[in-house]
Amino acid sequence: MSAFGIGTNTNINEKNAGVLKGRQIEIACDCWFTRVGKTIPRTIKFENEEGEIKTLSNIKVITSDDKIFCGIKTREYICTAEFGQIEWEFRLVFKKEECRWYMII
C-alpha cells in the first residue's frame, strides 16, 4: 500500500482502452439477458440526421468485450445487421454506470 492510499484503487487487470473513436449516437436497445447474465442486443432504434426514427433488427453479434474508455466501464459489441439490403458493420457500446447504449459509426 502506498502513502495516502495512492494506487490502492488500481486494478492491473482493468486496462484502459483509450478514447472511444467515432461518432456516438445515443440509441434505444432491446437486449436479451441470458440465465448467466450475458447480454445480447437484438434490436436498436436511433434518430437519423433528418429526425426520423430508424430500426435495426436481426443484429448479429460478432464479438463482445468488457472495456474501459477514459475511466468509464463499458461493454463493447461488434455487430452486423442488414439495413436497406446492405450488410452493415457497426459497434454498440453499453456504458454500465449510466445504463445507456450508444452506436459508434
C-alpha atoms as a PDB file:
ATOM      1  CA  MET A   1       0.000   0.000   0.000  1.00  0.00           C
ATOM      2  CA  SER A   2       1.311   3.442  -0.883  1.00  0.00           C
ATOM      3  CA  ALA A   3       1.288   6.562   1.236  1.00  0.00           C
ATOM      4  CA  PHE A   4      -2.063   8.362   1.354  1.00  0.00           C
ATOM      5  CA  GLY A   5      -3.779   5.464  -0.419  1.00  0.00           C
ATOM      6  CA  ILE A   6      -2.336   6.391  -3.805  1.00  0.00           C
ATOM      7  CA  GLY A   7      -2.575   3.438  -6.136  1.00  0.00           C
ATOM      8  CA  THR A   8      -4.955   1.455  -3.937  1.00  0.00           C
ATOM      9  CA  ASN A   9      -7.838   1.706  -6.417  1.00  0.00           C
ATOM     10  CA  THR A  10      -5.891   0.479  -9.411  1.00  0.00           C
ATOM     11  CA  ASN A  11      -6.621  -2.938 -10.837  1.00  0.00           C
ATOM     12  CA  ILE A  12      -3.917  -4.145 -13.205  1.00  0.00           C
ATOM     13  CA  ASN A  13      -6.455  -6.433 -14.919  1.00  0.00           C
ATOM     14  CA  GLU A  14      -8.607  -3.443 -15.958  1.00  0.00           C
ATOM     15  CA  LYS A  15      -6.680  -1.832 -18.797  1.00  0.00           C
ATOM     16  CA  ASN A  16      -7.865   1.474 -20.192  1.00  0.00           C
ATOM     17  CA  ALA A  17      -8.795   1.158 -23.881  1.00  0.00           C
ATOM     18  CA  GLY A  18      -8.251   4.882 -24.502  1.00  0.00           C
ATOM     19  CA  VAL A  19     -10.803   7.166 -26.128  1.00  0.00           C
ATOM     20  CA  LEU A  20     -13.939   5.988 -27.939  1.00  0.00           C
ATOM     21  CA  LYS A  21     -13.252   6.773 -31.587  1.00  0.00           C
ATOM     22  CA  GLY A  22     -16.065   7.564 -33.989  1.00  0.00           C
ATOM     23  CA  ARG A  23     -19.386   9.335 -33.761  1.00  0.00           C
ATOM     24  CA  GLN A  24     -21.508   8.299 -30.770  1.00  0.00           C
ATOM     25  CA  ILE A  25     -25.243   8.116 -31.399  1.00  0.00           C
ATOM     26  CA  GLU A  26     -27.470   7.511 -28.388  1.00  0.00           C
ATOM     27  CA  ILE A  27     -29.844   4.623 -29.113  1.00  0.00           C
ATOM     28  CA  ALA A  28     -32.654   2.589 -27.610  1.00  0.00           C
ATOM     29  CA  CYS A  29     -31.741  -1.094 -27.423  1.00  0.00           C
ATOM     30  CA  ASP A  30     -33.834  -4.233 -26.959  1.00  0.00           C
ATOM     31  CA  CYS A  31     -31.431  -6.584 -25.232  1.00  0.00           C
ATOM     32  CA  TRP A  32     -31.763 -10.237 -24.206  1.00  0.00           C
ATOM     33  CA  PHE A  33     -30.273 -11.258 -20.865  1.00  0.00           C
ATOM     34  CA  THR A  34     -29.347 -14.923 -20.580  1.00  0.00           C
ATOM     35  CA  ARG A  35     -29.671 -17.018 -17.433  1.00  0.00           C
ATOM     36  CA  VAL A  36     -25.989 -16.416 -16.633  1.00  0.00           C
ATOM     37  CA  GLY A  37     -26.159 -12.641 -17.202  1.00  0.00           C
ATOM     38  CA  LYS A  38     -24.790 -12.469 -20.747  1.00  0.00           C
ATOM     39  CA  THR A  39     -26.293  -9.584 -22.729  1.00  0.00           C
ATOM     40  CA  ILE A  40     -27.271  -9.945 -26.382  1.00  0.00           C
ATOM     41  CA  PRO A  41     -28.552  -6.852 -28.264  1.00  0.00           C
ATOM     42  CA  ARG A  42     -31.430  -7.791 -30.585  1.00  0.00           C
ATOM     43  CA  THR A  43     -32.944  -4.568 -31.953  1.00  0.00           C
ATOM     44  CA  ILE A  44     -31.927  -0.914 -31.822  1.00  0.00           C
ATOM     45  CA  LYS A  45     -33.721   2.333 -32.645  1.00  0.00           C
ATOM     46  CA  PHE A  46     -31.976   5.598 -33.416  1.00  0.00           C
ATOM     47  CA  GLU A  47     -32.723   9.013 -34.874  1.00  0.00           C
ATOM     48  CA  ASN A  48     -31.094   9.845 -38.226  1.00  0.00           C
ATOM     49  CA  GLU A  49     -29.951  13.295 -39.418  1.00  0.00           C
ATOM     50  CA  GLU A  50     -33.444  14.101 -40.729  1.00  0.00           C
ATOM     51  CA  GLY A  51     -35.028  13.329 -37.346  1.00  0.00           C
ATOM     52  CA  GLU A  52     -36.596  10.047 -38.497  1.00  0.00           C
ATOM     53  CA  ILE A  53     -36.610   7.079 -36.126  1.00  0.00           C
ATOM     54  CA  LYS A  54     -34.878   4.097 -37.760  1.00  0.00           C
ATOM     55  CA  THR A  55     -34.890   0.479 -36.577  1.00  0.00           C
ATOM     56  CA  LEU A  56     -32.186  -2.135 -36.992  1.00  0.00           C
ATOM     57  CA  SER A  57     -33.340  -5.694 -36.299  1.00  0.00           C
ATOM     58  CA  ASN A  58     -31.762  -9.122 -36.609  1.00  0.00           C
ATOM     59  CA  ILE A  59     -28.497  -7.922 -35.123  1.00  0.00           C
ATOM     60  CA  LYS A  60     -25.690 -10.475 -35.223  1.00  0.00           C
ATOM     61  CA  VAL A  61     -23.071 -10.024 -32.512  1.00  0.00           C
ATOM     62  CA  ILE A  62     -19.619 -10.953 -33.847  1.00  0.00           C
ATOM     63  CA  THR A  63     -17.662 -10.231 -30.655  1.00  0.00           C
ATOM     64  CA  SER A  64     -18.206  -8.551 -27.313  1.00  0.00           C
ATOM     65  CA  ASP A  65     -15.790  -7.496 -24.619  1.00  0.00           C
ATOM     66  CA  ASP A  66     -15.656  -5.501 -21.384  1.00  0.00           C
ATOM     67  CA  LYS A  67     -13.568  -2.362 -21.835  1.00  0.00           C
ATOM     68  CA  ILE A  68     -12.765   0.853 -20.029  1.00  0.00           C
ATOM     69  CA  PHE A  69     -12.773   4.038 -22.120  1.00  0.00           C
ATOM     70  CA  CYS A  70     -11.358   7.079 -20.280  1.00  0.00           C
ATOM     71  CA  GLY A  71     -12.252   5.503 -16.936  1.00  0.00           C
ATOM     72  CA  ILE A  72     -15.833   4.592 -17.995  1.00  0.00           C
ATOM     73  CA  LYS A  73     -16.709   0.892 -17.709  1.00  0.00           C
ATOM     74  CA  THR A  74     -18.387  -0.352 -20.869  1.00  0.00           C
ATOM     75  CA  ARG A  75     -19.366  -3.451 -22.777  1.00  0.00           C
ATOM     76  CA  GLU A  76     -18.461  -3.162 -26.471  1.00  0.00           C
ATOM     77  CA  TYR A  77     -20.153  -5.224 -29.187  1.00  0.00           C
ATOM     78  CA  ILE A  78     -19.002  -5.583 -32.798  1.00  0.00           C
ATOM     79  CA  CYS A  79     -22.167  -6.293 -34.788  1.00  0.00           C
ATOM     80  CA  THR A  80     -23.620  -6.667 -38.254  1.00  0.00           C
ATOM     81  CA  ALA A  81     -27.181  -6.161 -39.495  1.00  0.00           C
ATOM     82  CA  GLU A  82     -28.974  -5.663 -42.783  1.00  0.00           C
ATOM     83  CA  PHE A  83     -30.105  -2.107 -43.365  1.00  0.00           C
ATOM     84  CA  GLY A  84     -31.611  -1.198 -46.726  1.00  0.00           C
ATOM     85  CA  GLN A  85     -30.431  -4.502 -48.243  1.00  0.00           C
ATOM     86  CA  ILE A  86     -26.829  -3.698 -47.266  1.00  0.00           C
ATOM     87  CA  GLU A  87     -24.876  -5.682 -44.679  1.00  0.00           C
ATOM     88  CA  TRP A  88     -23.663  -3.050 -42.227  1.00  0.00           C
ATOM     89  CA  GLU A  89     -20.951  -3.476 -39.575  1.00  0.00           C
ATOM     90  CA  PHE A  90     -21.060  -1.236 -36.510  1.00  0.00           C
ATOM     91  CA  ARG A  91     -20.171  -1.093 -32.824  1.00  0.00           C
ATOM     92  CA  LEU A  92     -22.540  -0.870 -29.894  1.00  0.00           C
ATOM     93  CA  VAL A  93     -21.336   0.333 -26.519  1.00  0.00           C
ATOM     94  CA  PHE A  94     -23.214  -0.074 -23.254  1.00  0.00           C
ATOM     95  CA  LYS A  95     -21.980   2.365 -20.596  1.00  0.00           C
ATOM     96  CA  LYS A  96     -22.590   0.399 -17.408  1.00  0.00           C
ATOM     97  CA  GLU A  97     -22.717   3.200 -14.844  1.00  0.00           C
ATOM     98  CA  GLU A  98     -25.045   5.351 -16.995  1.00  0.00           C
ATOM     99  CA  CYS A  99     -27.128   2.367 -18.185  1.00  0.00           C
ATOM    100  CA  ARG A 100     -27.098   3.899 -21.691  1.00  0.00           C
ATOM    101  CA  TRP A 101     -26.494   2.441 -25.138  1.00  0.00           C
ATOM    102  CA  TYR A 102     -24.562   4.106 -27.970  1.00  0.00           C
ATOM    103  CA  MET A 103     -23.922   3.167 -31.587  1.00  0.00           C
ATOM    104  CA  ILE A 104     -20.450   4.112 -32.809  1.00  0.00           C
ATOM    105  CA  ILE A 105     -20.108   4.859 -36.524  1.00  0.00           C
END
